Amino acid sequence: MRAREPLALLLAIFYAVNYTFAEKSKFYYMESLCKDHFLQRQYRKLDGGVLWSRNERNLDCTVTFQTHSILQRFMLHFDLLQLDCNDHLYVYDGAHATAPPKADLSCRNTKQQVGALFTRSNFVTLKYVTDNWGTDANGFKLVITAVKDPIPEHGCKEFRCKQREFCVSADLTCDGVDHCADGSDEDTVALCPESGGSGSSSTWLVVAGGAGLLLALIAATLGCCLCRRRAANRRTHLHLQQMNVSNGGGAGAAPDPGVGTRLPGNWALPAGPRGYSVARPGRLRARAAR
């Protein structure tokens, strides 16, 4: 149990570190969101996230996202948009899928044609309806970002996108996701030169360090267990050798010449098959003669 305690602690730290960095951009999968009907009715607050669809079939679900501040609104743009002609993604500007949708996307739409979509409120609702047919190429990758128009006298307190000049959370920079839709929050020259365009290098360093430490602890735990098992086997073997020498080497077996220590007491003079009296007959006869 003692060996498991540090392992469990390291696992908890490792997953906590990964979870903290993953919060910079939340990743959602339509298959998981649409299975949990309770969570479909909840408003998910986020600064930025990525919504994945990968050829889910027979779906009819609705999810709603909300900004952290009423002064913010949402920008949506697609990194991938390739829907089947019988599938529809409805985008609503608000907290409910009741009014006419802002966009009705299907196979006739491409990501270049759709471009960036902006809400006027601090809610966006997505309704995804699919049939029971499709290919592995069908689906979409939707980037959702909470943006705020800069106030001229105050500017941006966090990060200001380059082209559209709206403000986004500073935590969304250098995380491998283009939240500004112009690449400025992932600028590998001016903003995050160490990332090389593949996300924050510090994130990967922490993850790699945690994984290496975890593997080292597992190896040390296994080595400790093996050493204890070998020591126990060695003590058992020595004990059996000592018993063998003390008992005269057994039935026709020669004693181990490498073991010269005999155990004290009855281990050194054990009783025979018919009792201890057979082991020392001379002493018993001397007592009888008295």
Protein backbone atom coordinates (compact mmCIF):
# COMPACT_ATOMS: atom_id res chain seq x y z
CA MET A 1 0.00 0.00 0.00
CA ARG A 2 2.87 2.39 0.73
CA ALA A 3 4.19 1.97 -2.80
CA ARG A 4 0.79 2.85 -4.26
CA GLU A 5 0.34 6.09 -2.32
CA PRO A 6 3.05 8.13 -4.12
CA LEU A 7 1.89 6.69 -7.45
CA ALA A 8 -1.70 7.79 -6.81
CA LEU A 9 -0.50 11.24 -5.72
CA LEU A 10 1.60 11.67 -8.86
CA LEU A 11 -1.30 10.58 -11.05
CA ALA A 12 -3.55 13.16 -9.41
CA ILE A 13 -0.97 15.91 -9.96
CA PHE A 14 -0.39 14.80 -13.55
CA TYR A 15 -4.07 14.88 -14.49
CA ALA A 16 -4.60 18.15 -12.64
CA VAL A 17 -1.80 19.80 -14.64
CA ASN A 18 -3.19 18.50 -17.93
CA TYR A 19 -6.70 19.57 -17.04
CA THR A 20 -5.55 23.08 -16.14
CA PHE A 21 -3.82 23.62 -19.46
CA ALA A 22 -6.69 22.04 -21.41
CA GLU A 23 -9.00 24.70 -19.98
CA LYS A 24 -7.36 27.31 -22.22
CA SER A 25 -9.48 25.89 -25.05
CA LYS A 26 -12.27 23.53 -24.10
CA PHE A 27 -12.82 20.64 -26.49
CA TYR A 28 -16.29 19.20 -26.94
CA TYR A 29 -17.42 16.24 -29.03
CA MET A 30 -20.95 16.18 -30.38
CA GLU A 31 -21.26 12.46 -29.72
CA SER A 32 -20.62 12.99 -26.00
CA LEU A 33 -22.67 16.16 -25.69
CA CYS A 34 -25.71 14.67 -27.35
CA LYS A 35 -25.70 11.53 -25.20
CA ASP A 36 -26.07 13.45 -21.94
CA HIS A 37 -29.56 14.95 -22.16
CA PHE A 38 -29.21 16.67 -18.78
CA LEU A 39 -26.13 18.61 -19.87
CA GLN A 40 -27.85 19.62 -23.10
CA ARG A 41 -30.17 21.83 -21.05
CA GLN A 42 -27.28 23.57 -19.26
CA TYR A 43 -25.60 26.80 -20.38
CA ARG A 44 -21.89 26.20 -20.74
CA LYS A 45 -19.83 29.27 -20.00
CA LEU A 46 -16.57 29.53 -21.89
CA ASP A 47 -14.00 31.98 -23.24
CA GLY A 48 -13.06 29.73 -26.11
CA GLY A 49 -13.66 26.19 -27.25
CA VAL A 50 -13.61 23.74 -30.12
CA LEU A 51 -16.64 21.67 -31.08
CA TRP A 52 -15.96 18.45 -33.00
CA SER A 53 -18.34 16.38 -35.08
CA ARG A 54 -17.16 13.09 -36.58
CA ASN A 55 -19.95 11.43 -38.60
CA GLU A 56 -22.39 11.01 -35.71
CA ARG A 57 -25.62 9.34 -36.79
CA ASN A 58 -29.24 9.71 -35.71
CA LEU A 59 -28.66 12.85 -33.67
CA ASP A 60 -31.17 15.50 -32.73
CA CYS A 61 -29.63 17.56 -29.94
CA THR A 62 -29.34 21.16 -28.89
CA VAL A 63 -26.48 22.75 -26.90
CA THR A 64 -26.13 26.33 -25.66
CA PHE A 65 -22.99 28.31 -24.79
CA GLN A 66 -22.79 31.53 -22.78
CA THR A 67 -20.06 34.12 -22.32
CA HIS A 68 -18.73 34.99 -18.89
CA SER A 69 -19.66 38.64 -19.30
CA ILE A 70 -22.80 40.25 -20.70
CA LEU A 71 -20.52 42.67 -22.55
CA GLN A 72 -19.17 39.83 -24.68
CA ARG A 73 -20.59 38.06 -27.70
CA PHE A 74 -19.58 35.00 -29.69
CA MET A 75 -17.62 34.59 -32.88
CA LEU A 76 -17.82 31.23 -34.66
CA HIS A 77 -15.70 30.01 -37.54
CA PHE A 78 -15.01 26.60 -39.02
CA ASP A 79 -11.69 24.88 -39.44
CA LEU A 80 -13.59 22.03 -41.12
CA LEU A 81 -17.11 21.93 -42.57
CA GLN A 82 -18.19 18.94 -44.61
CA LEU A 83 -21.75 17.90 -43.82
CA ASP A 84 -23.91 15.27 -45.47
CA CYS A 85 -26.83 16.65 -47.49
CA ASN A 86 -29.36 15.16 -45.04
CA ASP A 87 -27.57 16.62 -42.01
CA HIS A 88 -28.16 20.13 -40.71
CA LEU A 89 -26.38 22.36 -38.23
CA TYR A 90 -28.58 25.25 -37.07
CA VAL A 91 -26.98 28.28 -35.41
CA TYR A 92 -29.24 30.46 -33.24
CA ASP A 93 -28.39 33.89 -31.85
CA GLY A 94 -29.73 33.40 -28.34
CA ALA A 95 -30.31 30.93 -25.53
CA HIS A 96 -33.06 28.94 -27.27
CA ALA A 97 -33.61 27.20 -30.60
CA THR A 98 -36.95 28.91 -31.24
CA ALA A 99 -36.45 31.96 -33.44
CA PRO A 100 -35.38 31.59 -37.08
CA PRO A 101 -31.76 30.37 -37.13
CA LYS A 102 -28.92 32.71 -37.92
CA ALA A 103 -27.52 30.00 -40.18
CA ASP A 104 -28.75 26.67 -41.56
CA LEU A 105 -25.68 24.75 -42.65
CA SER A 106 -25.64 21.58 -44.74
CA CYS A 107 -23.72 20.02 -47.66
CA ARG A 108 -24.13 23.16 -49.80
CA ASN A 109 -21.99 25.20 -47.39
CA THR A 110 -18.21 25.37 -47.14
CA LYS A 111 -16.07 26.97 -44.46
CA GLN A 112 -14.83 29.60 -46.92
CA GLN A 113 -18.38 30.53 -47.84
CA VAL A 114 -19.60 30.73 -44.24
CA GLY A 115 -16.60 32.65 -42.91
CA ALA A 116 -17.03 34.06 -39.39
CA LEU A 117 -20.41 34.23 -37.67
CA PHE A 118 -21.08 36.77 -34.91
CA THR A 119 -23.89 36.81 -32.37
CA ARG A 120 -25.48 39.97 -31.02
CA SER A 121 -26.23 38.43 -27.61
CA ASN A 122 -23.93 36.65 -25.17
CA PHE A 123 -25.55 33.29 -26.03
CA VAL A 124 -25.27 30.95 -28.98
CA THR A 125 -27.37 27.82 -29.46
CA LEU A 126 -26.48 24.98 -31.82
CA LYS A 127 -28.92 22.34 -33.00
CA TYR A 128 -27.45 19.36 -34.86
CA VAL A 129 -29.68 16.93 -36.76
CA THR A 130 -28.27 13.90 -38.64
CA ASP A 131 -29.67 10.80 -40.30
CA ASN A 132 -28.46 7.20 -40.07
CA TRP A 133 -26.10 7.39 -43.04
CA GLY A 134 -22.78 9.06 -43.63
CA THR A 135 -19.09 8.59 -44.30
CA ASP A 136 -16.05 9.09 -42.11
CA ALA A 137 -15.31 12.34 -43.95
CA ASN A 138 -18.55 13.97 -42.79
CA GLY A 139 -18.43 16.34 -39.83
CA PHE A 140 -17.14 19.72 -38.74
CA LYS A 141 -14.66 21.45 -36.46
CA LEU A 142 -16.13 24.65 -35.06
CA VAL A 143 -14.11 27.21 -33.10
CA ILE A 144 -16.21 29.24 -30.64
CA THR A 145 -14.69 32.36 -29.07
CA ALA A 146 -16.09 34.94 -26.67
CA VAL A 147 -15.11 38.37 -28.00
CA LYS A 148 -15.60 41.93 -26.77
CA ASP A 149 -15.50 45.10 -28.79
CA PRO A 150 -12.74 47.34 -27.43
CA ILE A 151 -13.71 50.57 -25.71
CA PRO A 152 -11.68 53.40 -27.27
CA GLU A 153 -10.67 55.01 -23.98
CA HIS A 154 -9.82 51.70 -22.31
CA GLY A 155 -8.62 49.42 -25.07
CA CYS A 156 -8.10 45.71 -24.44
CA LYS A 157 -7.08 44.59 -20.99
CA GLU A 158 -6.29 41.09 -22.28
CA PHE A 159 -5.46 40.32 -25.95
CA ARG A 160 -6.46 42.31 -29.00
CA CYS A 161 -6.82 40.50 -32.31
CA LYS A 162 -4.98 42.06 -35.22
CA GLN A 163 -7.48 42.34 -38.09
CA ARG A 164 -10.90 42.66 -36.45
CA GLU A 165 -9.44 44.34 -33.34
CA PHE A 166 -11.74 42.79 -30.79
CA CYS A 167 -10.63 41.53 -27.40
CA VAL A 168 -10.31 37.88 -26.39
CA SER A 169 -9.04 36.18 -23.26
CA ALA A 170 -5.25 36.17 -22.93
CA ASP A 171 -5.47 32.50 -21.93
CA LEU A 172 -6.46 31.67 -25.52
CA THR A 173 -3.14 32.78 -26.98
CA CYS A 174 -0.52 30.23 -28.02
CA ASP A 175 -2.75 27.21 -27.41
CA GLY A 176 -2.78 25.84 -30.95
CA VAL A 177 -6.29 27.12 -31.79
CA ASP A 178 -6.90 30.14 -34.04
CA HIS A 179 -9.46 32.03 -31.96
CA CYS A 180 -9.07 35.39 -33.73
CA ALA A 181 -9.73 33.82 -37.16
CA ASP A 182 -6.70 35.72 -38.46
CA GLY A 183 -3.90 33.79 -36.72
CA SER A 184 -2.80 36.73 -34.60
CA ASP A 185 -3.34 34.89 -31.28
CA GLU A 186 -1.03 32.14 -32.57
CA ASP A 187 1.63 34.39 -34.10
CA THR A 188 4.80 32.32 -33.81
CA VAL A 189 7.07 35.33 -34.46
CA ALA A 190 5.69 38.14 -32.32
CA LEU A 191 3.60 36.39 -29.67
CA CYS A 192 4.68 32.79 -29.12
CA PRO A 193 8.03 32.15 -30.87
CA GLU A 194 8.75 29.06 -28.80
CA SER A 195 5.58 27.26 -29.88
CA GLY A 196 6.49 26.87 -33.52
CA GLY A 197 2.83 27.02 -34.40
CA SER A 198 1.91 23.88 -32.50
CA GLY A 199 0.65 25.32 -29.23
CA SER A 200 2.35 26.47 -26.07
CA SER A 201 5.75 24.87 -25.58
CA SER A 202 5.50 25.29 -21.83
CA THR A 203 2.34 23.18 -21.84
CA TRP A 204 4.06 20.36 -23.65
CA LEU A 205 7.10 20.61 -21.43
CA VAL A 206 4.96 20.26 -18.31
CA VAL A 207 3.03 17.34 -19.81
CA ALA A 208 6.23 15.60 -20.95
CA GLY A 209 7.88 16.19 -17.58
CA GLY A 210 4.86 14.80 -15.75
CA ALA A 211 4.80 11.74 -18.00
CA GLY A 212 8.54 11.15 -17.49
CA LEU A 213 8.24 11.48 -13.73
CA LEU A 214 5.30 9.09 -13.74
CA LEU A 215 7.24 6.48 -15.73
CA ALA A 216 10.26 6.86 -13.45
CA LEU A 217 8.11 6.31 -10.36
CA ILE A 218 6.49 3.25 -11.91
CA ALA A 219 9.92 1.82 -12.77
CA ALA A 220 11.19 2.49 -9.23
CA THR A 221 8.11 0.86 -7.71
CA LEU A 222 8.49 -2.24 -9.87
CA GLY A 223 12.20 -2.43 -9.05
CA CYS A 224 11.48 -2.18 -5.32
CA CYS A 225 8.88 -4.94 -5.54
CA LEU A 226 11.31 -7.19 -7.43
CA CYS A 227 14.08 -6.55 -4.89
CA ARG A 228 11.76 -7.41 -1.99
CA ARG A 229 10.62 -10.57 -3.69
CA ARG A 230 14.20 -11.65 -4.38
CA ALA A 231 15.21 -10.92 -0.78
CA ALA A 232 12.27 -12.96 0.52
CA ASN A 233 13.14 -15.86 -1.79
CA ARG A 234 16.79 -15.66 -0.68
CA ARG A 235 15.83 -15.80 3.01
CA THR A 236 13.50 -18.73 2.38
CA HIS A 237 16.21 -20.61 0.48
CA LEU A 238 18.77 -20.00 3.26
CA HIS A 239 16.29 -21.16 5.89
CA LEU A 240 15.66 -24.36 3.99
CA GLN A 241 19.39 -24.96 3.62
CA GLN A 242 19.89 -24.50 7.35
CA MET A 243 17.08 -26.93 8.11
CA ASN A 244 18.64 -29.40 5.68
CA VAL A 245 22.06 -29.18 7.39
CA SER A 246 20.54 -29.40 10.89
CA ASN A 247 18.57 -32.50 9.96
CA GLY A 248 21.58 -34.31 8.66
CA GLY A 249 21.10 -33.43 5.05
CA GLY A 250 17.78 -35.23 4.57
CA ALA A 251 17.25 -38.67 3.08
CA GLY A 252 20.45 -39.36 1.19
CA ALA A 253 21.05 -35.68 0.42
CA ALA A 254 24.44 -34.16 1.06
CA PRO A 255 24.50 -30.98 3.10
CA ASP A 256 25.26 -27.73 1.34
CA PRO A 257 28.99 -27.07 1.90
CA GLY A 258 28.43 -23.34 1.63
CA VAL A 259 26.27 -23.25 4.76
CA GLY A 260 28.14 -23.94 7.98
CA THR A 261 25.82 -22.43 10.56
CA ARG A 262 23.53 -24.70 12.54
CA LEU A 263 20.47 -23.49 14.32
CA PRO A 264 20.46 -23.77 18.12
CA GLY A 265 18.15 -25.91 20.27
CA ASN A 266 16.07 -28.73 18.89
CA TRP A 267 16.82 -27.64 15.35
CA ALA A 268 20.37 -28.90 15.88
CA LEU A 269 19.22 -32.23 17.49
CA PRO A 270 15.80 -33.02 16.03
CA ALA A 271 13.68 -35.95 17.15
CA GLY A 272 13.63 -39.11 15.10
CA PRO A 273 10.59 -40.69 13.49
CA ARG A 274 9.69 -42.52 16.75
CA GLY A 275 10.34 -39.65 19.14
CA TYR A 276 13.21 -37.87 20.86
CA SER A 277 14.25 -40.99 22.83
CA VAL A 278 15.62 -42.63 19.70
CA ALA A 279 17.87 -39.67 19.03
CA ARG A 280 19.90 -40.18 22.34
CA PRO A 281 19.55 -43.84 23.46
CA GLY A 282 22.78 -43.76 25.56
CA ARG A 283 21.49 -41.08 27.93
CA LEU A 284 18.20 -42.94 28.43
CA ARG A 285 20.01 -46.24 29.27
CA ALA A 286 22.23 -44.44 31.79
CA ARG A 287 19.16 -43.07 33.54
CA ALA A 288 17.52 -46.51 33.61
CA ALA A 289 20.66 -48.10 35.18
CA ARG A 290 20.45 -45.67 38.10
